[in-house]
PDB file of N, CA and C in Angstrom:
ATOM      1  N   MET A   1      58.435  79.811 150.699  1.00  0.00           N
ATOM      2  CA  MET A   1      58.559  79.781 149.274  1.00  0.00           C
ATOM      3  C   MET A   1      57.274  79.282 148.609  1.00  0.00           C
ATOM      4  N   SER A   2      56.701  78.240 149.175  1.00  0.00           N
ATOM      5  CA  SER A   2      55.477  77.698 148.596  1.00  0.00           C
ATOM      6  C   SER A   2      54.322  78.680 148.736  1.00  0.00           C
ATOM      7  N   ARG A   3      54.371  79.505 149.788  1.00  0.00           N
ATOM      8  CA  ARG A   3      53.311  80.489 149.981  1.00  0.00           C
ATOM      9  C   ARG A   3      53.387  81.577 148.891  1.00  0.00           C
ATOM     10  N   ILE A   4      54.570  81.985 148.518  1.00  0.00           N
ATOM     11  CA  ILE A   4      54.747  82.995 147.470  1.00  0.00           C
ATOM     12  C   ILE A   4      54.301  82.420 146.118  1.00  0.00           C
ATOM     13  N   LEU A   5      54.677  81.178 145.871  1.00  0.00           N
ATOM     14  CA  LEU A   5      54.270  80.520 144.628  1.00  0.00           C
ATOM     15  C   LEU A   5      52.757  80.383 144.558  1.00  0.00           C
ATOM     16  N   PHE A   6      52.127  80.036 145.686  1.00  0.00           N
ATOM     17  CA  PHE A   6      50.676  79.918 145.735  1.00  0.00           C
ATOM     18  C   PHE A   6      50.019  81.271 145.479  1.00  0.00           C
ATOM     19  N   THR A   7      50.554  82.346 146.029  1.00  0.00           N
ATOM     20  CA  THR A   7      50.003  83.692 145.857  1.00  0.00           C
ATOM     21  C   THR A   7      50.125  84.148 144.400  1.00  0.00           C
ATOM     22  N   LEU A   8      51.275  83.924 143.801  1.00  0.00           N
ATOM     23  CA  LEU A   8      51.472  84.315 142.399  1.00  0.00           C
ATOM     24  C   LEU A   8      50.558  83.520 141.458  1.00  0.00           C
ATOM     25  N   THR A   9      50.425  82.234 141.733  1.00  0.00           N
ATOM     26  CA  THR A   9      49.553  81.408 140.897  1.00  0.00           C
ATOM     27  C   THR A   9      48.105  81.854 141.038  1.00  0.00           C
ATOM     28  N   SER A  10      47.686  82.146 142.252  1.00  0.00           N
ATOM     29  CA  SER A  10      46.304  82.588 142.488  1.00  0.00           C
ATOM     30  C   SER A  10      46.036  83.926 141.805  1.00  0.00           C
ATOM     31  N   ALA A  11      46.992  84.850 141.909  1.00  0.00           N
ATOM     32  CA  ALA A  11      46.819  86.160 141.286  1.00  0.00           C
ATOM     33  C   ALA A  11      46.747  86.030 139.768  1.00  0.00           C
ATOM     34  N   THR A  12      47.556  85.145 139.209  1.00  0.00           N
ATOM     35  CA  THR A  12      47.538  84.923 137.762  1.00  0.00           C
ATOM     36  C   THR A  12      46.207  84.344 137.321  1.00  0.00           C
ATOM     37  N   LEU A  13      45.717  83.361 138.051  1.00  0.00           N
ATOM     38  CA  LEU A  13      44.430  82.751 137.689  1.00  0.00           C
ATOM     39  C   LEU A  13      43.274  83.735 137.817  1.00  0.00           C
ATOM     40  N   ILE A  14      43.300  84.565 138.836  1.00  0.00           N
ATOM     41  CA  ILE A  14      42.245  85.572 139.005  1.00  0.00           C
ATOM     42  C   ILE A  14      42.309  86.592 137.861  1.00  0.00           C
ATOM     43  N   GLY A  15      43.513  86.980 137.490  1.00  0.00           N
ATOM     44  CA  GLY A  15      43.678  87.922 136.377  1.00  0.00           C
ATOM     45  C   GLY A  15      43.191  87.336 135.064  1.00  0.00           C
ATOM     46  N   LEU A  16      43.513  86.070 134.793  1.00  0.00           N
ATOM     47  CA  LEU A  16      43.041  85.420 133.569  1.00  0.00           C
ATOM     48  C   LEU A  16      41.533  85.254 133.568  1.00  0.00           C
ATOM     49  N   ALA A  17      40.954  84.956 134.722  1.00  0.00           N
ATOM     50  CA  ALA A  17      39.500  84.808 134.809  1.00  0.00           C
ATOM     51  C   ALA A  17      38.815  86.142 134.551  1.00  0.00           C
ATOM     52  N   ALA A  18      39.401  87.216 135.011  1.00  0.00           N
ATOM     53  CA  ALA A  18      38.815  88.543 134.799  1.00  0.00           C
ATOM     54  C   ALA A  18      38.886  88.923 133.319  1.00  0.00           C
ATOM     55  N   CYS A  19      39.966  88.545 132.651  1.00  0.00           N
ATOM     56  CA  CYS A  19      40.091  88.848 131.224  1.00  0.00           C
ATOM     57  C   CYS A  19      39.084  88.066 130.408  1.00  0.00           C
ATOM     58  N   ALA A  20      38.778  86.862 130.835  1.00  0.00           N
ATOM     59  CA  ALA A  20      37.858  86.021 130.082  1.00  0.00           C
ATOM     60  C   ALA A  20      36.426  86.522 130.163  1.00  0.00           C
ATOM     61  N   THR A  21      36.069  87.251 131.211  1.00  0.00           N
ATOM     62  CA  THR A  21      34.688  87.699 131.359  1.00  0.00           C
ATOM     63  C   THR A  21      34.455  89.093 130.798  1.00  0.00           C
ATOM     64  N   GLN A  22      35.506  89.839 130.472  1.00  0.00           N
ATOM     65  CA  GLN A  22      35.325  91.176 129.920  1.00  0.00           C
ATOM     66  C   GLN A  22      34.973  91.091 128.441  1.00  0.00           C
ATOM     67  N   PRO A  23      34.033  91.928 127.993  1.00  0.00           N
ATOM     68  CA  PRO A  23      33.697  91.903 126.566  1.00  0.00           C
ATOM     69  C   PRO A  23      34.861  92.429 125.739  1.00  0.00           C
ATOM     70  N   GLY A  24      35.035  91.808 124.580  1.00  0.00           N
ATOM     71  CA  GLY A  24      36.094  92.224 123.672  1.00  0.00           C
ATOM     72  C   GLY A  24      35.676  93.445 122.888  1.00  0.00           C
ATOM     73  N   PRO A  25      36.544  93.959 122.044  1.00  0.00           N
ATOM     74  CA  PRO A  25      36.215  95.160 121.277  1.00  0.00           C
ATOM     75  C   PRO A  25      35.082  94.939 120.281  1.00  0.00           C
ATOM     76  N   THR A  26      34.874  93.700 119.814  1.00  0.00           N
ATOM     77  CA  THR A  26      33.791  93.457 118.859  1.00  0.00           C
ATOM     78  C   THR A  26      32.459  93.300 119.565  1.00  0.00           C
ATOM     79  N   ALA A  27      32.478  92.957 120.839  1.00  0.00           N
ATOM     80  CA  ALA A  27      31.231  92.752 121.566  1.00  0.00           C
ATOM     81  C   ALA A  27      30.848  93.990 122.366  1.00  0.00           C
ATOM     82  N   ALA A  28      31.343  95.144 122.010  1.00  0.00           N
ATOM     83  CA  ALA A  28      31.099  96.362 122.763  1.00  0.00           C
ATOM     84  C   ALA A  28      29.857  97.098 122.271  1.00  0.00           C
ATOM     85  N   ALA A  29      28.850  96.379 121.800  1.00  0.00           N
ATOM     86  CA  ALA A  29      27.620  97.015 121.332  1.00  0.00           C
ATOM     87  C   ALA A  29      26.829  97.526 122.520  1.00  0.00           C
ATOM     88  N   LYS A  30      26.118  98.604 122.314  1.00  0.00           N
ATOM     89  CA  LYS A  30      25.316  99.184 123.380  1.00  0.00           C
ATOM     90  C   LYS A  30      24.089  98.312 123.619  1.00  0.00           C
ATOM     91  N   PRO A  31      23.626  98.230 124.878  1.00  0.00           N
ATOM     92  CA  PRO A  31      22.429  97.419 125.149  1.00  0.00           C
ATOM     93  C   PRO A  31      21.218  97.978 124.411  1.00  0.00           C
ATOM     94  N   GLY A  32      20.394  97.095 123.919  1.00  0.00           N
ATOM     95  CA  GLY A  32      19.192  97.500 123.205  1.00  0.00           C
ATOM     96  C   GLY A  32      19.449  97.844 121.749  1.00  0.00           C
ATOM     97  N   GLU A  33      20.706  97.813 121.338  1.00  0.00           N
ATOM     98  CA  GLU A  33      21.063  98.147 119.960  1.00  0.00           C
ATOM     99  C   GLU A  33      21.369  96.848 119.231  1.00  0.00           C
ATOM    100  N   SER A  34      20.626  96.553 118.210  1.00  0.00           N
ATOM    101  CA  SER A  34      20.878  95.332 117.456  1.00  0.00           C
ATOM    102  C   SER A  34      21.345  95.710 116.058  1.00  0.00           C
ATOM    103  N   LYS A  35      22.109  94.829 115.481  1.00  0.00           N
ATOM    104  CA  LYS A  35      22.588  95.086 114.126  1.00  0.00           C
ATOM    105  C   LYS A  35      21.432  94.906 113.151  1.00  0.00           C
ATOM    106  N   ALA A  36      21.250  95.888 112.324  1.00  0.00           N
ATOM    107  CA  ALA A  36      20.194  95.790 111.320  1.00  0.00           C
ATOM    108  C   ALA A  36      20.678  94.883 110.199  1.00  0.00           C
ATOM    109  N   ALA A  37      19.782  94.083 109.706  1.00  0.00           N
ATOM    110  CA  ALA A  37      20.137  93.201 108.596  1.00  0.00           C
ATOM    111  C   ALA A  37      20.419  94.056 107.370  1.00  0.00           C
ATOM    112  N   GLU A  38      21.478  93.701 106.661  1.00  0.00           N
ATOM    113  CA  GLU A  38      21.807  94.461 105.467  1.00  0.00           C
ATOM    114  C   GLU A  38      20.726  94.243 104.418  1.00  0.00           C
ATOM    115  N   PRO A  39      20.358  95.309 103.718  1.00  0.00           N
ATOM    116  CA  PRO A  39      19.322  95.133 102.697  1.00  0.00           C
ATOM    117  C   PRO A  39      19.826  94.221 101.588  1.00  0.00           C
ATOM    118  N   ALA A  40      18.929  93.397 101.098  1.00  0.00           N
ATOM    119  CA  ALA A  40      19.286  92.460 100.038  1.00  0.00           C
ATOM    120  C   ALA A  40      19.565  93.226  98.749  1.00  0.00           C
ATOM    121  N   LYS A  41      20.571  92.787  98.029  1.00  0.00           N
ATOM    122  CA  LYS A  41      20.886  93.417  96.753  1.00  0.00           C
ATOM    123  C   LYS A  41      19.779  93.088  95.758  1.00  0.00           C
ATOM    124  N   PRO A  42      19.419  94.053  94.944  1.00  0.00           N
ATOM    125  CA  PRO A  42      18.382  93.760  93.963  1.00  0.00           C
ATOM    126  C   PRO A  42      18.889  92.712  92.974  1.00  0.00           C
ATOM    127  N   ALA A  43      18.072  91.724  92.758  1.00  0.00           N
ATOM    128  CA  ALA A  43      18.451  90.652  91.849  1.00  0.00           C
ATOM    129  C   ALA A  43      18.162  91.062  90.408  1.00  0.00           C
ATOM    130  N   LEU A  44      18.818  90.398  89.509  1.00  0.00           N
ATOM    131  CA  LEU A  44      18.618  90.638  88.087  1.00  0.00           C
ATOM    132  C   LEU A  44      17.225  90.135  87.709  1.00  0.00           C
ATOM    133  N   SER A  45      16.486  90.910  86.949  1.00  0.00           N
ATOM    134  CA  SER A  45      15.126  90.515  86.580  1.00  0.00           C
ATOM    135  C   SER A  45      15.161  89.302  85.648  1.00  0.00           C
ATOM    136  N   ALA A  46      14.033  88.624  85.580  1.00  0.00           N
ATOM    137  CA  ALA A  46      13.934  87.434  84.731  1.00  0.00           C
ATOM    138  C   ALA A  46      14.111  87.801  83.259  1.00  0.00           C
ATOM    139  N   ASP A  47      13.567  88.947  82.851  1.00  0.00           N
ATOM    140  CA  ASP A  47      13.721  89.398  81.460  1.00  0.00           C
ATOM    141  C   ASP A  47      15.186  89.650  81.131  1.00  0.00           C
ATOM    142  N   ALA A  48      15.895  90.269  82.069  1.00  0.00           N
ATOM    143  CA  ALA A  48      17.314  90.552  81.843  1.00  0.00           C
ATOM    144  C   ALA A  48      18.125  89.261  81.768  1.00  0.00           C
ATOM    145  N   GLN A  49      17.809  88.299  82.622  1.00  0.00           N
ATOM    146  CA  GLN A  49      18.511  87.014  82.589  1.00  0.00           C
ATOM    147  C   GLN A  49      18.271  86.300  81.266  1.00  0.00           C
ATOM    148  N   ALA A  50      17.021  86.329  80.799  1.00  0.00           N
ATOM    149  CA  ALA A  50      16.690  85.668  79.534  1.00  0.00           C
ATOM    150  C   ALA A  50      17.379  86.368  78.361  1.00  0.00           C
ATOM    151  N   ALA A  51      17.392  87.699  78.377  1.00  0.00           N
ATOM    152  CA  ALA A  51      18.038  88.450  77.296  1.00  0.00           C
ATOM    153  C   ALA A  51      19.541  88.188  77.286  1.00  0.00           C
ATOM    154  N   LEU A  52      20.140  88.095  78.461  1.00  0.00           N
ATOM    155  CA  LEU A  52      21.581  87.824  78.543  1.00  0.00           C
ATOM    156  C   LEU A  52      21.906  86.426  78.032  1.00  0.00           C
ATOM    157  N   ALA A  53      21.084  85.456  78.394  1.00  0.00           N
ATOM    158  CA  ALA A  53      21.306  84.088  77.914  1.00  0.00           C
ATOM    159  C   ALA A  53      21.155  84.012  76.394  1.00  0.00           C
ATOM    160  N   ALA A  54      20.152  84.699  75.852  1.00  0.00           N
ATOM    161  CA  ALA A  54      19.954  84.711  74.400  1.00  0.00           C
ATOM    162  C   ALA A  54      21.126  85.383  73.693  1.00  0.00           C
ATOM    163  N   ALA A  55      21.616  86.486  74.261  1.00  0.00           N
ATOM    164  CA  ALA A  55      22.748  87.187  73.660  1.00  0.00           C
ATOM    165  C   ALA A  55      23.999  86.323  73.681  1.00  0.00           C
ATOM    166  N   GLN A  56      24.209  85.623  74.771  1.00  0.00           N
ATOM    167  CA  GLN A  56      25.370  84.732  74.849  1.00  0.00           C
ATOM    168  C   GLN A  56      25.284  83.628  73.803  1.00  0.00           C
ATOM    169  N   ALA A  57      24.089  83.081  73.607  1.00  0.00           N
ATOM    170  CA  ALA A  57      23.913  82.036  72.600  1.00  0.00           C
ATOM    171  C   ALA A  57      24.113  82.586  71.186  1.00  0.00           C
ATOM    172  N   ASP A  58      23.570  83.789  70.919  1.00  0.00           N
ATOM    173  CA  ASP A  58      23.726  84.393  69.587  1.00  0.00           C
ATOM    174  C   ASP A  58      25.193  84.700  69.278  1.00  0.00           C
ATOM    175  N   VAL A  59      25.902  85.219  70.247  1.00  0.00           N
ATOM    176  CA  VAL A  59      27.315  85.545  70.049  1.00  0.00           C
ATOM    177  C   VAL A  59      28.133  84.264  69.865  1.00  0.00           C
ATOM    178  N   LYS A  60      27.785  83.231  70.608  1.00  0.00           N
ATOM    179  CA  LYS A  60      28.497  81.952  70.462  1.00  0.00           C
ATOM    180  C   LYS A  60      28.291  81.378  69.062  1.00  0.00           C
ATOM    181  N   ALA A  61      27.051  81.466  68.559  1.00  0.00           N
ATOM    182  CA  ALA A  61      26.766  80.962  67.214  1.00  0.00           C
ATOM    183  C   ALA A  61      27.500  81.769  66.149  1.00  0.00           C
ATOM    184  N   ALA A  62      27.532  83.085  66.305  1.00  0.00           N
ATOM    185  CA  ALA A  62      28.229  83.925  65.337  1.00  0.00           C
ATOM    186  C   ALA A  62      29.738  83.666  65.381  1.00  0.00           C
ATOM    187  N   ARG A  63      30.265  83.451  66.575  1.00  0.00           N
ATOM    188  CA  ARG A  63      31.694  83.166  66.697  1.00  0.00           C
ATOM    189  C   ARG A  63      32.032  81.835  66.025  1.00  0.00           C
ATOM    190  N   ALA A  64      31.154  80.868  66.141  1.00  0.00           N
ATOM    191  CA  ALA A  64      31.397  79.550  65.537  1.00  0.00           C
ATOM    192  C   ALA A  64      31.452  79.632  64.015  1.00  0.00           C
ATOM    193  N   LYS A  65      30.726  80.576  63.421  1.00  0.00           N
ATOM    194  CA  LYS A  65      30.709  80.728  61.962  1.00  0.00           C
ATOM    195  C   LYS A  65      31.682  81.808  61.479  1.00  0.00           C
ATOM    196  N   ASN A  66      32.500  82.326  62.377  1.00  0.00           N
ATOM    197  CA  ASN A  66      33.429  83.414  62.059  1.00  0.00           C
ATOM    198  C   ASN A  66      32.701  84.633  61.509  1.00  0.00           C
ATOM    199  N   ALA A  67      31.551  84.931  62.090  1.00  0.00           N
ATOM    200  CA  ALA A  67      30.755  86.078  61.654  1.00  0.00           C
ATOM    201  C   ALA A  67      30.516  87.058  62.797  1.00  0.00           C
ATOM    202  N   LEU A  68      31.322  86.963  63.835  1.00  0.00           N
ATOM    203  CA  LEU A  68      31.106  87.813  65.009  1.00  0.00           C
ATOM    204  C   LEU A  68      31.684  89.204  64.779  1.00  0.00           C
ATOM    205  N   TRP A  69      30.836  90.201  64.958  1.00  0.00           N
ATOM    206  CA  TRP A  69      31.270  91.580  64.854  1.00  0.00           C
ATOM    207  C   TRP A  69      31.808  92.013  66.220  1.00  0.00           C
ATOM    208  N   THR A  70      32.766  92.906  66.208  1.00  0.00           N
ATOM    209  CA  THR A  70      33.338  93.378  67.465  1.00  0.00           C
ATOM    210  C   THR A  70      32.322  94.167  68.280  1.00  0.00           C
ATOM    211  N   THR A  71      31.378  94.810  67.606  1.00  0.00           N
ATOM    212  CA  THR A  71      30.346  95.549  68.342  1.00  0.00           C
ATOM    213  C   THR A  71      29.461  94.604  69.144  1.00  0.00           C
ATOM    214  N   ALA A  72      29.210  93.412  68.609  1.00  0.00           N
ATOM    215  CA  ALA A  72      28.415  92.420  69.334  1.00  0.00           C
ATOM    216  C   ALA A  72      29.182  91.919  70.548  1.00  0.00           C
ATOM    217  N   GLU A  73      30.460  91.682  70.365  1.00  0.00           N
ATOM    218  CA  GLU A  73      31.283  91.196  71.470  1.00  0.00           C
ATOM    219  C   GLU A  73      31.398  92.243  72.573  1.00  0.00           C
ATOM    220  N   ASP A  74      31.570  93.502  72.186  1.00  0.00           N
ATOM    221  CA  ASP A  74      31.658  94.585  73.167  1.00  0.00           C
ATOM    222  C   ASP A  74      30.347  94.752  73.931  1.00  0.00           C
ATOM    223  N   ALA A  75      29.229  94.661  73.223  1.00  0.00           N
ATOM    224  CA  ALA A  75      27.928  94.797  73.877  1.00  0.00           C
ATOM    225  C   ALA A  75      27.678  93.644  74.842  1.00  0.00           C
ATOM    226  N   LEU A  76      28.110  92.438  74.488  1.00  0.00           N
ATOM    227  CA  LEU A  76      27.948  91.297  75.386  1.00  0.00           C
ATOM    228  C   LEU A  76      28.792  91.482  76.646  1.00  0.00           C
ATOM    229  N   LYS A  77      30.007  91.971  76.495  1.00  0.00           N
ATOM    230  CA  LYS A  77      30.859  92.227  77.660  1.00  0.00           C
ATOM    231  C   LYS A  77      30.224  93.274  78.573  1.00  0.00           C
ATOM    232  N   ALA A  78      29.645  94.303  77.970  1.00  0.00           N
ATOM    233  CA  ALA A  78      28.980  95.346  78.758  1.00  0.00           C
ATOM    234  C   ALA A  78      27.758  94.784  79.483  1.00  0.00           C
ATOM    235  N   ALA A  79      27.028  93.893  78.827  1.00  0.00           N
ATOM    236  CA  ALA A  79      25.856  93.277  79.460  1.00  0.00           C
ATOM    237  C   ALA A  79      26.274  92.384  80.621  1.00  0.00           C
ATOM    238  N   GLU A  80      27.350  91.631  80.439  1.00  0.00           N
ATOM    239  CA  GLU A  80      27.822  90.760  81.521  1.00  0.00           C
ATOM    240  C   GLU A  80      28.343  91.576  82.698  1.00  0.00           C
ATOM    241  N   ALA A  81      28.991  92.691  82.426  1.00  0.00           N
ATOM    242  CA  ALA A  81      29.466  93.560  83.503  1.00  0.00           C
ATOM    243  C   ALA A  81      28.290  94.165  84.260  1.00  0.00           C
ATOM    244  N   ALA A  82      27.253  94.549  83.539  1.00  0.00           N
ATOM    245  CA  ALA A  82      26.063  95.103  84.186  1.00  0.00           C
ATOM    246  C   ALA A  82      25.330  94.034  84.984  1.00  0.00           C
ATOM    247  N   ALA A  83      25.391  92.787  84.530  1.00  0.00           N
ATOM    248  CA  ALA A  83      24.741  91.690  85.259  1.00  0.00           C
ATOM    249  C   ALA A  83      25.419  91.468  86.606  1.00  0.00           C
ATOM    250  N   GLU A  84      26.734  91.648  86.657  1.00  0.00           N
ATOM    251  CA  GLU A  84      27.440  91.504  87.931  1.00  0.00           C
ATOM    252  C   GLU A  84      27.022  92.582  88.919  1.00  0.00           C
ATOM    253  N   LYS A  85      26.601  93.739  88.404  1.00  0.00           N
ATOM    254  CA  LYS A  85      26.154  94.845  89.245  1.00  0.00           C
ATOM    255  C   LYS A  85      24.644  94.813  89.467  1.00  0.00           C
ATOM    256  N   ASN A  86      23.972  93.805  88.916  1.00  0.00           N
ATOM    257  CA  ASN A  86      22.517  93.656  89.018  1.00  0.00           C
ATOM    258  C   ASN A  86      21.773  94.855  88.434  1.00  0.00           C
ATOM    259  N   ASP A  87      22.262  95.377  87.333  1.00  0.00           N
ATOM    260  CA  ASP A  87      21.633  96.501  86.634  1.00  0.00           C
ATOM    261  C   ASP A  87      20.808  95.946  85.474  1.00  0.00           C
ATOM    262  N   SER A  88      19.556  95.641  85.749  1.00  0.00           N
ATOM    263  CA  SER A  88      18.694  94.983  84.769  1.00  0.00           C
ATOM    264  C   SER A  88      18.472  95.814  83.513  1.00  0.00           C
ATOM    265  N   ALA A  89      18.300  97.118  83.660  1.00  0.00           N
ATOM    266  CA  ALA A  89      18.024  97.968  82.500  1.00  0.00           C
ATOM    267  C   ALA A  89      19.204  97.959  81.524  1.00  0.00           C
ATOM    268  N   THR A  90      20.405  98.074  82.043  1.00  0.00           N
ATOM    269  CA  THR A  90      21.584  98.061  81.173  1.00  0.00           C
ATOM    270  C   THR A  90      21.792  96.693  80.558  1.00  0.00           C
ATOM    271  N   VAL A  91      21.525  95.646  81.327  1.00  0.00           N
ATOM    272  CA  VAL A  91      21.660  94.285  80.792  1.00  0.00           C
ATOM    273  C   VAL A  91      20.712  94.093  79.623  1.00  0.00           C
ATOM    274  N   LEU A  92      19.472  94.515  79.777  1.00  0.00           N
ATOM    275  CA  LEU A  92      18.499  94.383  78.693  1.00  0.00           C
ATOM    276  C   LEU A  92      18.945  95.136  77.440  1.00  0.00           C
ATOM    277  N   MET A  93      19.385  96.371  77.624  1.00  0.00           N
ATOM    278  CA  MET A  93      19.775  97.188  76.484  1.00  0.00           C
ATOM    279  C   MET A  93      20.995  96.593  75.775  1.00  0.00           C
ATOM    280  N   GLN A  94      22.020  96.256  76.523  1.00  0.00           N
ATOM    281  CA  GLN A  94      23.248  95.748  75.914  1.00  0.00           C
ATOM    282  C   GLN A  94      23.077  94.328  75.359  1.00  0.00           C
ATOM    283  N   ALA A  95      22.278  93.507  76.015  1.00  0.00           N
ATOM    284  CA  ALA A  95      22.051  92.143  75.522  1.00  0.00           C
ATOM    285  C   ALA A  95      21.282  92.170  74.207  1.00  0.00           C
ATOM    286  N   LYS A  96      20.288  93.048  74.115  1.00  0.00           N
ATOM    287  CA  LYS A  96      19.542  93.166  72.852  1.00  0.00           C
ATOM    288  C   LYS A  96      20.446  93.679  71.740  1.00  0.00           C
ATOM    289  N   ARG A  97      21.321  94.611  72.084  1.00  0.00           N
ATOM    290  CA  ARG A  97      22.262  95.125  71.085  1.00  0.00           C
ATOM    291  C   ARG A  97      23.219  94.023  70.634  1.00  0.00           C
ATOM    292  N   ALA A  98      23.710  93.235  71.570  1.00  0.00           N
ATOM    293  CA  ALA A  98      24.637  92.147  71.222  1.00  0.00           C
ATOM    294  C   ALA A  98      23.948  91.115  70.338  1.00  0.00           C
ATOM    295  N   SER A  99      22.709  90.761  70.675  1.00  0.00           N
ATOM    296  CA  SER A  99      21.971  89.793  69.857  1.00  0.00           C
ATOM    297  C   SER A  99      21.740  90.332  68.455  1.00  0.00           C
ATOM    298  N   ASN A 100      21.339  91.590  68.362  1.00  0.00           N
ATOM    299  CA  ASN A 100      21.085  92.207  67.065  1.00  0.00           C
ATOM    300  C   ASN A 100      22.351  92.231  66.214  1.00  0.00           C
ATOM    301  N   GLN A 101      23.460  92.640  66.788  1.00  0.00           N
ATOM    302  CA  GLN A 101      24.709  92.715  66.043  1.00  0.00           C
ATOM    303  C   GLN A 101      25.200  91.317  65.638  1.00  0.00           C
ATOM    304  N   ALA A 102      24.989  90.328  66.495  1.00  0.00           N
ATOM    305  CA  ALA A 102      25.394  88.960  66.152  1.00  0.00           C
ATOM    306  C   ALA A 102      24.541  88.421  65.001  1.00  0.00           C
ATOM    307  N   ARG A 103      23.242  88.717  65.025  1.00  0.00           N
ATOM    308  CA  ARG A 103      22.358  88.272  63.934  1.00  0.00           C
ATOM    309  C   ARG A 103      22.724  88.950  62.615  1.00  0.00           C
ATOM    310  N   LEU A 104      23.055  90.232  62.687  1.00  0.00           N
ATOM    311  CA  LEU A 104      23.457  90.936  61.475  1.00  0.00           C
ATOM    312  C   LEU A 104      24.745  90.349  60.904  1.00  0.00           C
ATOM    313  N   GLY A 105      25.654  89.975  61.756  1.00  0.00           N
ATOM    314  CA  GLY A 105      26.884  89.335  61.297  1.00  0.00           C
ATOM    315  C   GLY A 105      26.604  88.003  60.625  1.00  0.00           C
ATOM    316  N   MET A 106      25.640  87.256  61.163  1.00  0.00           N
ATOM    317  CA  MET A 106      25.260  85.970  60.563  1.00  0.00           C
ATOM    318  C   MET A 106      24.578  86.190  59.214  1.00  0.00           C
ATOM    319  N   GLU A 107      23.728  87.225  59.123  1.00  0.00           N
ATOM    320  CA  GLU A 107      23.050  87.525  57.853  1.00  0.00           C
ATOM    321  C   GLU A 107      24.035  87.971  56.784  1.00  0.00           C
ATOM    322  N   GLN A 108      25.109  88.597  57.193  1.00  0.00           N
ATOM    323  CA  GLN A 108      26.098  89.078  56.245  1.00  0.00           C
ATOM    324  C   GLN A 108      26.747  87.922  55.483  1.00  0.00           C
ATOM    325  N   LEU A 109      26.747  86.745  56.087  1.00  0.00           N
ATOM    326  CA  LEU A 109      27.309  85.577  55.400  1.00  0.00           C
ATOM    327  C   LEU A 109      26.516  85.225  54.148  1.00  0.00           C
ATOM    328  N   ASN A 110      25.250  85.621  54.093  1.00  0.00           N
ATOM    329  CA  ASN A 110      24.397  85.307  52.950  1.00  0.00           C
ATOM    330  C   ASN A 110      24.553  86.294  51.792  1.00  0.00           C
ATOM    331  N   TYR A 111      25.273  87.370  51.989  1.00  0.00           N
ATOM    332  CA  TYR A 111      25.461  88.352  50.924  1.00  0.00           C
ATOM    333  C   TYR A 111      26.379  87.746  49.861  1.00  0.00           C
ATOM    334  N   PRO A 112      26.152  88.093  48.629  1.00  0.00           N
ATOM    335  CA  PRO A 112      27.035  87.583  47.573  1.00  0.00           C
ATOM    336  C   PRO A 112      28.406  88.247  47.665  1.00  0.00           C
ATOM    337  N   PRO A 113      29.425  87.524  47.317  1.00  0.00           N
ATOM    338  CA  PRO A 113      30.757  88.136  47.357  1.00  0.00           C
ATOM    339  C   PRO A 113      30.891  89.210  46.276  1.00  0.00           C
ATOM    340  N   ILE A 114      31.676  90.188  46.532  1.00  0.00           N
ATOM    341  CA  ILE A 114      31.897  91.269  45.564  1.00  0.00           C
ATOM    342  C   ILE A 114      33.148  90.942  44.766  1.00  0.00           C
ATOM    343  N   ARG A 115      33.004  91.011  43.480  1.00  0.00           N
ATOM    344  CA  ARG A 115      34.159  90.778  42.609  1.00  0.00           C
ATOM    345  C   ARG A 115      34.685  92.099  42.138  1.00  0.00           C
ATOM    346  N   ILE A 116      35.958  92.262  42.251  1.00  0.00           N
ATOM    347  CA  ILE A 116      36.593  93.496  41.839  1.00  0.00           C
ATOM    348  C   ILE A 116      37.407  93.208  40.573  1.00  0.00           C
ATOM    349  N   GLY A 117      37.252  94.056  39.590  1.00  0.00           N
ATOM    350  CA  GLY A 117      38.050  93.955  38.404  1.00  0.00           C
ATOM    351  C   GLY A 117      37.358  93.286  37.236  1.00  0.00           C
ATOM    352  N   ASP A 118      36.085  93.084  37.277  1.00  0.00           N
ATOM    353  CA  ASP A 118      35.394  92.502  36.117  1.00  0.00           C
ATOM    354  C   ASP A 118      34.980  93.554  35.140  1.00  0.00           C
TER     355      ASP A 118
END
């Protein structure tokens, strides 16, 4: 009985040792083949980052004075979405548009009120 138990235990240990030395499915790369480093994503340019920061500040100021136009808000959202995709050209275009629209909304506060019925 002890001989059978010894044989089964030995066979089990040999089987487990063989499994431990075999490469797994993730380590099945061919010899001489190395994984190429993924190319770095293009970063947002410094000009685009500065334009986005300026647009965010302009929109925040216009919102604080209740002078924010919806076109400025939409352009800022588009610029932020483009920034997540690292699309510098779109960020620049939309951020400048958002800043311009926010400034126009602020300037509109200086217009005289229109009286109707005089």
